[in-house]
C-alpha atoms as a PDB file:
ATOM      1  CA  UNK A   1      81.597 125.427 116.899  1.00  0.00           C
ATOM      2  CA  UNK A   2      82.870 122.711 119.182  1.00  0.00           C
ATOM      3  CA  UNK A   3      79.369 121.339 119.680  1.00  0.00           C
ATOM      4  CA  UNK A   4      78.933 120.940 115.904  1.00  0.00           C
ATOM      5  CA  UNK A   5      82.139 118.888 115.724  1.00  0.00           C
ATOM      6  CA  UNK A   6      80.912 116.652 118.548  1.00  0.00           C
ATOM      7  CA  UNK A   7      77.540 116.129 116.863  1.00  0.00           C
ATOM      8  CA  UNK A   8      79.222 115.411 113.521  1.00  0.00           C
ATOM      9  CA  UNK A   9      81.616 112.910 115.134  1.00  0.00           C
ATOM     10  CA  UNK A  10      78.837 111.107 116.970  1.00  0.00           C
ATOM     11  CA  UNK A  11      76.678 110.869 113.845  1.00  0.00           C
ATOM     12  CA  UNK A  12      79.632 109.513 111.861  1.00  0.00           C
ATOM     13  CA  UNK A  13      80.283 106.719 114.343  1.00  0.00           C
ATOM     14  CA  UNK A  14      76.611 105.781 114.441  1.00  0.00           C
ATOM     15  CA  UNK A  15      76.509 105.695 110.631  1.00  0.00           C
ATOM     16  CA  UNK A  16      79.557 103.407 110.541  1.00  0.00           C
ATOM     17  CA  UNK A  17      78.040 101.169 113.214  1.00  0.00           C
ATOM     18  CA  UNK A  18      74.867 100.775 111.152  1.00  0.00           C
ATOM     19  CA  UNK A  19      76.676  99.415 108.107  1.00  0.00           C
ATOM     20  CA  UNK A  20      75.921  95.695 108.263  1.00  0.00           C
ATOM     21  CA  UNK A  21      78.287  93.967 105.864  1.00  0.00           C
ATOM     22  CA  UNK A  22      77.609  90.618 107.513  1.00  0.00           C
ATOM     23  CA  UNK A  23      73.872  90.888 107.046  1.00  0.00           C
ATOM     24  CA  UNK A  24      73.890  90.152 103.314  1.00  0.00           C
ATOM     25  CA  UNK A  25      74.141  86.510 102.353  1.00  0.00           C
ATOM     26  CA  UNK A  26      75.980  85.148  99.329  1.00  0.00           C
ATOM     27  CA  UNK A  27      73.807  84.879  96.248  1.00  0.00           C
ATOM     28  CA  UNK A  28      74.383  81.383  94.874  1.00  0.00           C
ATOM     29  CA  UNK A  29      72.352  82.165  91.757  1.00  0.00           C
ATOM     30  CA  UNK A  30      74.834  84.825  90.695  1.00  0.00           C
ATOM     31  CA  UNK A  31      77.222  83.826  87.881  1.00  0.00           C
ATOM     32  CA  UNK A  32      80.022  85.640  89.733  1.00  0.00           C
ATOM     33  CA  UNK A  33      79.890  83.624  92.947  1.00  0.00           C
ATOM     34  CA  UNK A  34      81.977  80.481  93.044  1.00  0.00           C
ATOM     35  CA  UNK A  35      81.879  77.669  95.598  1.00  0.00           C
ATOM     36  CA  UNK A  36      84.028  78.131  98.656  1.00  0.00           C
ATOM     37  CA  UNK A  37      86.022  75.728 100.760  1.00  0.00           C
ATOM     38  CA  UNK A  38      89.198  73.682 100.609  1.00  0.00           C
ATOM     39  CA  UNK A  39      90.430  72.648  97.129  1.00  0.00           C
ATOM     40  CA  UNK A  40      87.679  74.598  95.384  1.00  0.00           C
ATOM     41  CA  UNK A  41      89.924  77.382  94.085  1.00  0.00           C
ATOM     42  CA  UNK A  42      92.542  75.266  92.288  1.00  0.00           C
ATOM     43  CA  UNK A  43      92.283  74.083  88.673  1.00  0.00           C
ATOM     44  CA  UNK A  44      93.048  70.424  89.457  1.00  0.00           C
ATOM     45  CA  UNK A  45      91.822  67.721  91.810  1.00  0.00           C
ATOM     46  CA  UNK A  46      94.510  66.501  94.241  1.00  0.00           C
ATOM     47  CA  UNK A  47      92.302  63.640  95.417  1.00  0.00           C
ATOM     48  CA  UNK A  48      92.511  61.606  92.216  1.00  0.00           C
ATOM     49  CA  UNK A  49      94.372  58.305  91.974  1.00  0.00           C
ATOM     50  CA  UNK A  50      97.139  59.504  89.630  1.00  0.00           C
ATOM     51  CA  UNK A  51      97.677  62.975  91.067  1.00  0.00           C
ATOM     52  CA  UNK A  52     101.044  62.221  92.708  1.00  0.00           C
ATOM     53  CA  UNK A  53     102.459  60.701  89.513  1.00  0.00           C
ATOM     54  CA  UNK A  54     101.280  63.628  87.372  1.00  0.00           C
ATOM     55  CA  UNK A  55     102.522  66.159  89.927  1.00  0.00           C
ATOM     56  CA  UNK A  56     106.039  64.730  90.190  1.00  0.00           C
ATOM     57  CA  UNK A  57     106.241  64.225  86.423  1.00  0.00           C
ATOM     58  CA  UNK A  58     105.380  67.880  85.905  1.00  0.00           C
ATOM     59  CA  UNK A  59     107.992  68.920  88.477  1.00  0.00           C
ATOM     60  CA  UNK A  60     110.687  66.683  86.926  1.00  0.00           C
ATOM     61  CA  UNK A  61     110.041  68.024  83.422  1.00  0.00           C
ATOM     62  CA  UNK A  62     110.063  71.606  84.689  1.00  0.00           C
ATOM     63  CA  UNK A  63     113.322  71.088  86.557  1.00  0.00           C
ATOM     64  CA  UNK A  64     115.043  68.991  83.889  1.00  0.00           C
ATOM     65  CA  UNK A  65     114.042  70.966  80.792  1.00  0.00           C
ATOM     66  CA  UNK A  66     116.621  73.765  81.227  1.00  0.00           C
ATOM     67  CA  UNK A  67     119.399  71.234  81.706  1.00  0.00           C
ATOM     68  CA  UNK A  68     118.265  69.212  78.695  1.00  0.00           C
ATOM     69  CA  UNK A  69     118.073  72.326  76.556  1.00  0.00           C
ATOM     70  CA  UNK A  70     121.553  73.396  77.679  1.00  0.00           C
ATOM     71  CA  UNK A  71     123.020  69.996  76.774  1.00  0.00           C
ATOM     72  CA  UNK A  72     121.250  70.046  73.398  1.00  0.00           C
ATOM     73  CA  UNK A  73     122.543  73.550  72.648  1.00  0.00           C
ATOM     74  CA  UNK A  74     126.142  72.604  73.457  1.00  0.00           C
ATOM     75  CA  UNK A  75     126.050  69.356  71.443  1.00  0.00           C
ATOM     76  CA  UNK A  76     124.166  70.462  68.300  1.00  0.00           C
ATOM     77  CA  UNK A  77     127.094  72.166  66.499  1.00  0.00           C
ATOM     78  CA  UNK A  78     129.651  69.440  67.102  1.00  0.00           C
END
């Protein structure tokens, strides 16, 4: 009984050791594989000329919109 457990344990470890996940290469022809590397997983290009202006404009509008809406709501019935 004990010898069967030892054989089963040793065969399990050898089966796990044989699994070569690193041996398969990425298939670039697949429609589900996207390019890898820095700045490849974001929907904008931070290297453009006007990126800083567009970024800070977006941040200013996002920060200022709630305050502008609050002022508009308090002034509209007066």
